[in-house]
Amino acid sequence: MPRSICRNKHNKNNKRNKFITVAFSLALVFAVWAIAARLVGKDILLPGPVTSFRALAGMMRQPQFWSNYWTSFLRGLTGFGIAFVSGTFMGMLTGLNASVGALFRPVLAAIRSTPSMSFILLALIWFRSETVVLFVTFMVVFPIVAQNVAEGTAQIDRDLIDMAGVYKVSSWRVLWEIRVPAMLPYLAAAAATGIGLTWKVLISAEVLASPVLGIGAQMDRARVFLNTPEVFAWTAVVVITGFLFDWVLDTVVRKKLFFWK
């Protein structure tokens, strides 16, 4: 009982310390931002936090804001989802079969080394503006997921697989109780990296493709009209969304879904 109490107290202290650290970091960022904006003295060049969030509050009261936000949100999730599922399948193939791995590993390395801007420019030539974002997101996230899953598959203890074969354990149990737990840390790392890249590439593609709806398109329109506070406001929306995804991955994926451990 005393050990349990000490453990709970330790966890509470860790959470409190983490909260204080995050709060201090955010306060420092906003303080530096406010001081820099005051020194510049022109909102058209560098609006301060108050001006930017006032612009965000005004934007959020307009129906167009939510239309643009959810359009980009769904584009990002769709592109990431397709890339994640495809990358997981490809990673398992390359990790389980040496011949397949030797065949596709150079292809994945080439895709991973290609600048995202190259994908965006080519997609602008090949596809409609709405499809550009999905294509670019897929090409950036897919090789990362495939490589992580391939590494996770290769790390599986072969002795466990052989022992399962000796005792005639079903393929489904081998997959669910041996292979999946071994790949989970790699899948989580791929998801965290992929989500972060998805938002960056998504906005870049929307800025250049200029679809009818989308955060990137609205940021570009704000730039054209020199509405810098609105550009900062949309940037804050993207950053907050990224933090929310990180929180979901940290609290759900890493803590709740790792029940095998």
Protein backbone atom coordinates (compact mmCIF):
# COMPACT_ATOMS: atom_id res chain seq x y z
CA MET A 1 0.00 0.00 0.00
CA PRO A 2 2.72 2.56 0.82
CA ARG A 3 4.42 1.75 -2.51
CA SER A 4 1.18 2.42 -4.36
CA ILE A 5 0.74 5.74 -2.56
CA CYS A 6 4.34 6.75 -3.34
CA ARG A 7 3.89 5.77 -7.00
CA ASN A 8 0.70 7.83 -7.32
CA LYS A 9 2.36 10.79 -5.64
CA HIS A 10 5.34 10.46 -7.97
CA ASN A 11 3.05 10.42 -11.02
CA LYS A 12 1.19 13.50 -9.79
CA ASN A 13 4.47 15.32 -9.25
CA ASN A 14 5.63 14.40 -12.74
CA LYS A 15 2.38 15.69 -14.27
CA ARG A 16 2.61 18.89 -12.26
CA ASN A 17 6.23 19.44 -13.29
CA LYS A 18 5.40 18.74 -16.92
CA PHE A 19 2.50 21.21 -16.82
CA ILE A 20 4.70 23.90 -15.24
CA THR A 21 7.41 23.34 -17.86
CA VAL A 22 4.94 23.58 -20.75
CA ALA A 23 3.28 26.67 -19.27
CA PHE A 24 6.66 28.35 -18.77
CA SER A 25 7.73 27.52 -22.35
CA LEU A 26 4.52 28.97 -23.80
CA ALA A 27 4.82 32.08 -21.63
CA LEU A 28 8.40 32.57 -22.81
CA VAL A 29 7.39 32.20 -26.47
CA PHE A 30 4.54 34.70 -26.13
CA ALA A 31 6.75 37.14 -24.22
CA VAL A 32 9.47 37.07 -26.89
CA TRP A 33 6.82 37.36 -29.61
CA ALA A 34 5.19 40.38 -27.91
CA ILE A 35 8.52 42.13 -27.36
CA ALA A 36 9.60 41.55 -30.97
CA ALA A 37 6.25 42.87 -32.26
CA ARG A 38 6.57 45.94 -30.04
CA LEU A 39 10.09 46.61 -31.34
CA VAL A 40 8.99 46.25 -34.99
CA GLY A 41 5.93 48.42 -34.35
CA LYS A 42 4.06 47.45 -37.54
CA ASP A 43 1.33 44.82 -37.60
CA ILE A 44 1.77 44.41 -41.33
CA LEU A 45 5.26 43.02 -40.64
CA LEU A 46 4.90 41.34 -37.25
CA PRO A 47 1.60 41.44 -35.38
CA GLY A 48 1.69 40.71 -31.68
CA PRO A 49 -0.08 37.87 -29.89
CA VAL A 50 -3.07 40.00 -28.90
CA THR A 51 -3.61 41.25 -32.45
CA SER A 52 -3.21 37.77 -33.93
CA PHE A 53 -5.60 36.08 -31.52
CA ARG A 54 -8.08 38.91 -31.89
CA ALA A 55 -8.00 38.20 -35.64
CA LEU A 56 -8.46 34.49 -34.91
CA ALA A 57 -11.48 35.19 -32.70
CA GLY A 58 -13.04 37.25 -35.48
CA MET A 59 -12.35 34.52 -38.04
CA MET A 60 -13.90 31.82 -35.85
CA ARG A 61 -17.20 33.70 -35.80
CA GLN A 62 -17.50 33.35 -39.55
CA PRO A 63 -18.97 30.17 -41.14
CA GLN A 64 -16.26 30.21 -43.82
CA PHE A 65 -13.62 29.61 -41.16
CA TRP A 66 -15.03 26.23 -40.21
CA SER A 67 -15.60 25.24 -43.83
CA ASN A 68 -11.95 25.92 -44.61
CA TYR A 69 -10.75 24.26 -41.41
CA TRP A 70 -12.71 21.02 -41.78
CA THR A 71 -11.86 20.77 -45.47
CA SER A 72 -8.13 20.87 -44.69
CA PHE A 73 -8.62 18.63 -41.66
CA LEU A 74 -10.35 15.94 -43.72
CA ARG A 75 -7.81 16.24 -46.53
CA GLY A 76 -4.99 15.74 -44.06
CA LEU A 77 -6.64 12.77 -42.35
CA THR A 78 -7.52 11.14 -45.68
CA GLY A 79 -4.02 11.52 -47.10
CA PHE A 80 -2.41 10.37 -43.87
CA GLY A 81 -4.80 7.43 -43.52
CA ILE A 82 -4.15 6.16 -47.05
CA ALA A 83 -0.39 6.57 -46.60
CA PHE A 84 -0.41 4.90 -43.17
CA VAL A 85 -2.38 1.83 -44.26
CA SER A 86 -0.40 1.45 -47.50
CA GLY A 87 2.90 2.04 -45.72
CA THR A 88 2.06 -0.52 -43.04
CA PHE A 89 1.25 -3.14 -45.68
CA MET A 90 4.39 -2.38 -47.68
CA GLY A 91 6.54 -2.32 -44.55
CA MET A 92 5.30 -5.76 -43.51
CA LEU A 93 6.02 -7.13 -46.98
CA THR A 94 9.53 -5.74 -47.11
CA GLY A 95 10.24 -6.79 -43.53
CA LEU A 96 8.99 -10.35 -43.91
CA ASN A 97 10.38 -11.08 -47.37
CA ALA A 98 14.04 -10.33 -48.07
CA SER A 99 13.52 -10.39 -51.83
CA VAL A 100 10.67 -7.90 -51.68
CA GLY A 101 12.73 -5.76 -49.34
CA ALA A 102 15.71 -5.74 -51.72
CA LEU A 103 13.38 -4.79 -54.58
CA PHE A 104 11.49 -1.94 -52.93
CA ARG A 105 14.03 -0.54 -50.47
CA PRO A 106 15.79 1.62 -53.14
CA VAL A 107 12.40 2.86 -54.35
CA LEU A 108 11.37 3.90 -50.83
CA ALA A 109 14.75 5.56 -50.27
CA ALA A 110 14.37 7.52 -53.51
CA ILE A 111 10.86 8.70 -52.57
CA ARG A 112 12.00 9.64 -49.07
CA SER A 113 14.93 11.65 -50.46
CA THR A 114 12.83 13.60 -52.97
CA PRO A 115 12.00 17.14 -51.76
CA SER A 116 8.34 17.64 -50.97
CA MET A 117 8.34 20.74 -53.16
CA SER A 118 9.17 18.53 -56.16
CA PHE A 119 6.09 16.42 -55.44
CA ILE A 120 3.97 19.56 -55.12
CA LEU A 121 5.16 21.02 -58.43
CA LEU A 122 4.68 17.74 -60.28
CA ALA A 123 1.24 17.27 -58.73
CA LEU A 124 0.26 20.77 -59.89
CA ILE A 125 1.02 19.63 -63.44
CA TRP A 126 -0.68 16.25 -63.17
CA PHE A 127 -3.76 16.73 -60.99
CA ARG A 128 -6.54 19.09 -59.98
CA SER A 129 -5.91 21.32 -56.99
CA GLU A 130 -7.99 19.17 -54.59
CA THR A 131 -6.02 16.04 -55.54
CA VAL A 132 -2.63 17.71 -55.19
CA VAL A 133 -2.80 17.69 -51.39
CA LEU A 134 -3.70 14.00 -51.15
CA PHE A 135 -0.95 12.99 -53.58
CA VAL A 136 1.76 15.02 -51.87
CA THR A 137 0.75 13.86 -48.39
CA PHE A 138 0.83 10.25 -49.52
CA MET A 139 4.25 10.55 -51.16
CA VAL A 140 5.80 12.16 -48.07
CA VAL A 141 4.25 9.97 -45.35
CA PHE A 142 4.17 6.59 -47.13
CA PRO A 143 7.95 5.85 -47.19
CA ILE A 144 8.34 6.89 -43.54
CA VAL A 145 5.64 4.49 -42.38
CA ALA A 146 6.91 1.70 -44.63
CA GLN A 147 10.47 2.04 -43.34
CA ASN A 148 9.40 2.09 -39.67
CA VAL A 149 7.14 -0.95 -40.05
CA ALA A 150 9.83 -2.83 -41.98
CA GLU A 151 12.30 -2.18 -39.15
CA GLY A 152 9.75 -3.28 -36.57
CA THR A 153 8.98 -6.46 -38.51
CA ALA A 154 12.68 -7.26 -38.84
CA GLN A 155 13.14 -6.92 -35.05
CA ILE A 156 10.65 -9.68 -34.27
CA ASP A 157 12.27 -12.53 -32.34
CA ARG A 158 12.55 -15.42 -34.81
CA ASP A 159 12.74 -17.90 -31.94
CA LEU A 160 9.19 -16.95 -30.93
CA ILE A 161 7.96 -17.46 -34.49
CA ASP A 162 9.68 -20.85 -34.70
CA MET A 163 8.29 -21.89 -31.32
CA ALA A 164 4.80 -20.88 -32.41
CA GLY A 165 5.23 -23.08 -35.49
CA VAL A 166 6.35 -26.02 -33.39
CA TYR A 167 3.27 -25.74 -31.17
CA LYS A 168 1.05 -25.15 -34.22
CA VAL A 169 -0.17 -21.75 -33.08
CA SER A 170 -2.59 -20.24 -35.56
CA SER A 171 -1.36 -17.55 -37.94
CA TRP A 172 -3.90 -15.11 -36.50
CA ARG A 173 -2.56 -15.54 -32.96
CA VAL A 174 1.02 -15.18 -34.21
CA LEU A 175 0.08 -11.94 -35.95
CA TRP A 176 -1.93 -10.52 -33.04
CA GLU A 177 0.20 -11.69 -30.10
CA ILE A 178 3.74 -11.60 -31.54
CA ARG A 179 4.04 -9.48 -34.65
CA VAL A 180 1.69 -6.60 -33.77
CA PRO A 181 3.16 -5.94 -30.27
CA ALA A 182 6.65 -5.92 -31.78
CA MET A 183 5.61 -3.38 -34.41
CA LEU A 184 3.58 -1.06 -32.16
CA PRO A 185 6.45 1.21 -31.05
CA TYR A 186 7.50 1.62 -34.67
CA LEU A 187 3.92 2.30 -35.76
CA ALA A 188 3.57 4.93 -33.04
CA ALA A 189 6.81 6.61 -34.11
CA ALA A 190 5.69 6.55 -37.74
CA ALA A 191 2.29 8.00 -36.81
CA ALA A 192 3.84 10.83 -34.78
CA THR A 193 6.31 11.74 -37.53
CA GLY A 194 3.74 11.29 -40.28
CA ILE A 195 1.11 13.50 -38.63
CA GLY A 196 3.62 16.30 -38.14
CA LEU A 197 4.75 16.13 -41.76
CA THR A 198 1.16 15.85 -42.97
CA TRP A 199 0.23 19.28 -41.62
CA LYS A 200 3.37 20.94 -42.96
CA VAL A 201 3.04 19.44 -46.44
CA LEU A 202 -0.74 19.95 -46.47
CA ILE A 203 -0.48 23.70 -45.92
CA SER A 204 2.37 24.08 -48.42
CA ALA A 205 0.43 22.19 -51.09
CA GLU A 206 -2.73 24.22 -50.46
CA VAL A 207 -0.82 27.50 -50.68
CA LEU A 208 0.52 26.61 -54.12
CA ALA A 209 -2.50 24.70 -55.44
CA SER A 210 -5.02 27.35 -54.26
CA PRO A 211 -8.09 25.12 -53.90
CA VAL A 212 -11.47 26.73 -53.32
CA LEU A 213 -11.43 25.79 -49.62
CA GLY A 214 -8.52 25.12 -47.31
CA ILE A 215 -6.30 26.70 -44.67
CA GLY A 216 -3.35 27.11 -47.03
CA ALA A 217 -5.49 28.83 -49.64
CA GLN A 218 -6.81 31.26 -47.03
CA MET A 219 -3.28 31.97 -45.80
CA ASP A 220 -2.20 32.79 -49.33
CA ARG A 221 -5.19 35.10 -49.85
CA ALA A 222 -4.35 36.86 -46.57
CA ARG A 223 -0.77 37.30 -47.80
CA VAL A 224 -1.98 38.82 -51.07
CA PHE A 225 -4.02 41.42 -49.16
CA LEU A 226 -1.18 41.99 -46.66
CA ASN A 227 -3.39 40.76 -43.82
CA THR A 228 -0.50 39.51 -41.70
CA PRO A 229 -2.55 39.03 -38.48
CA GLU A 230 -4.79 36.59 -40.37
CA VAL A 231 -1.72 34.68 -41.60
CA PHE A 232 -0.54 34.37 -37.98
CA ALA A 233 -4.06 33.38 -36.90
CA TRP A 234 -4.22 30.53 -39.42
CA THR A 235 -0.71 29.50 -38.39
CA ALA A 236 -1.88 29.30 -34.77
CA VAL A 237 -4.78 27.09 -35.89
CA VAL A 238 -2.36 24.67 -37.57
CA VAL A 239 -0.03 24.62 -34.55
CA ILE A 240 -2.90 24.01 -32.10
CA THR A 241 -4.22 21.20 -34.30
CA GLY A 242 -0.76 19.64 -34.35
CA PHE A 243 -0.57 19.83 -30.54
CA LEU A 244 -3.97 18.13 -30.29
CA PHE A 245 -2.81 15.29 -32.51
CA ASP A 246 0.37 14.90 -30.44
CA TRP A 247 -1.76 14.74 -27.30
CA VAL A 248 -4.01 12.08 -28.81
CA LEU A 249 -1.02 10.02 -29.90
CA ASP A 250 0.60 10.35 -26.49
CA THR A 251 -2.48 9.59 -24.35
CA VAL A 252 -4.29 7.10 -26.58
CA VAL A 253 -1.76 5.36 -28.81
CA ARG A 254 1.23 5.13 -26.50
CA LYS A 255 -0.63 4.60 -23.21
CA LYS A 256 -4.01 3.04 -24.01
CA LEU A 257 -3.31 0.89 -27.06
CA PHE A 258 -0.12 -0.71 -25.75
CA PHE A 259 -2.12 -3.11 -23.65
CA TRP A 260 0.02 -6.03 -24.84
CA LYS A 261 2.76 -4.80 -22.52
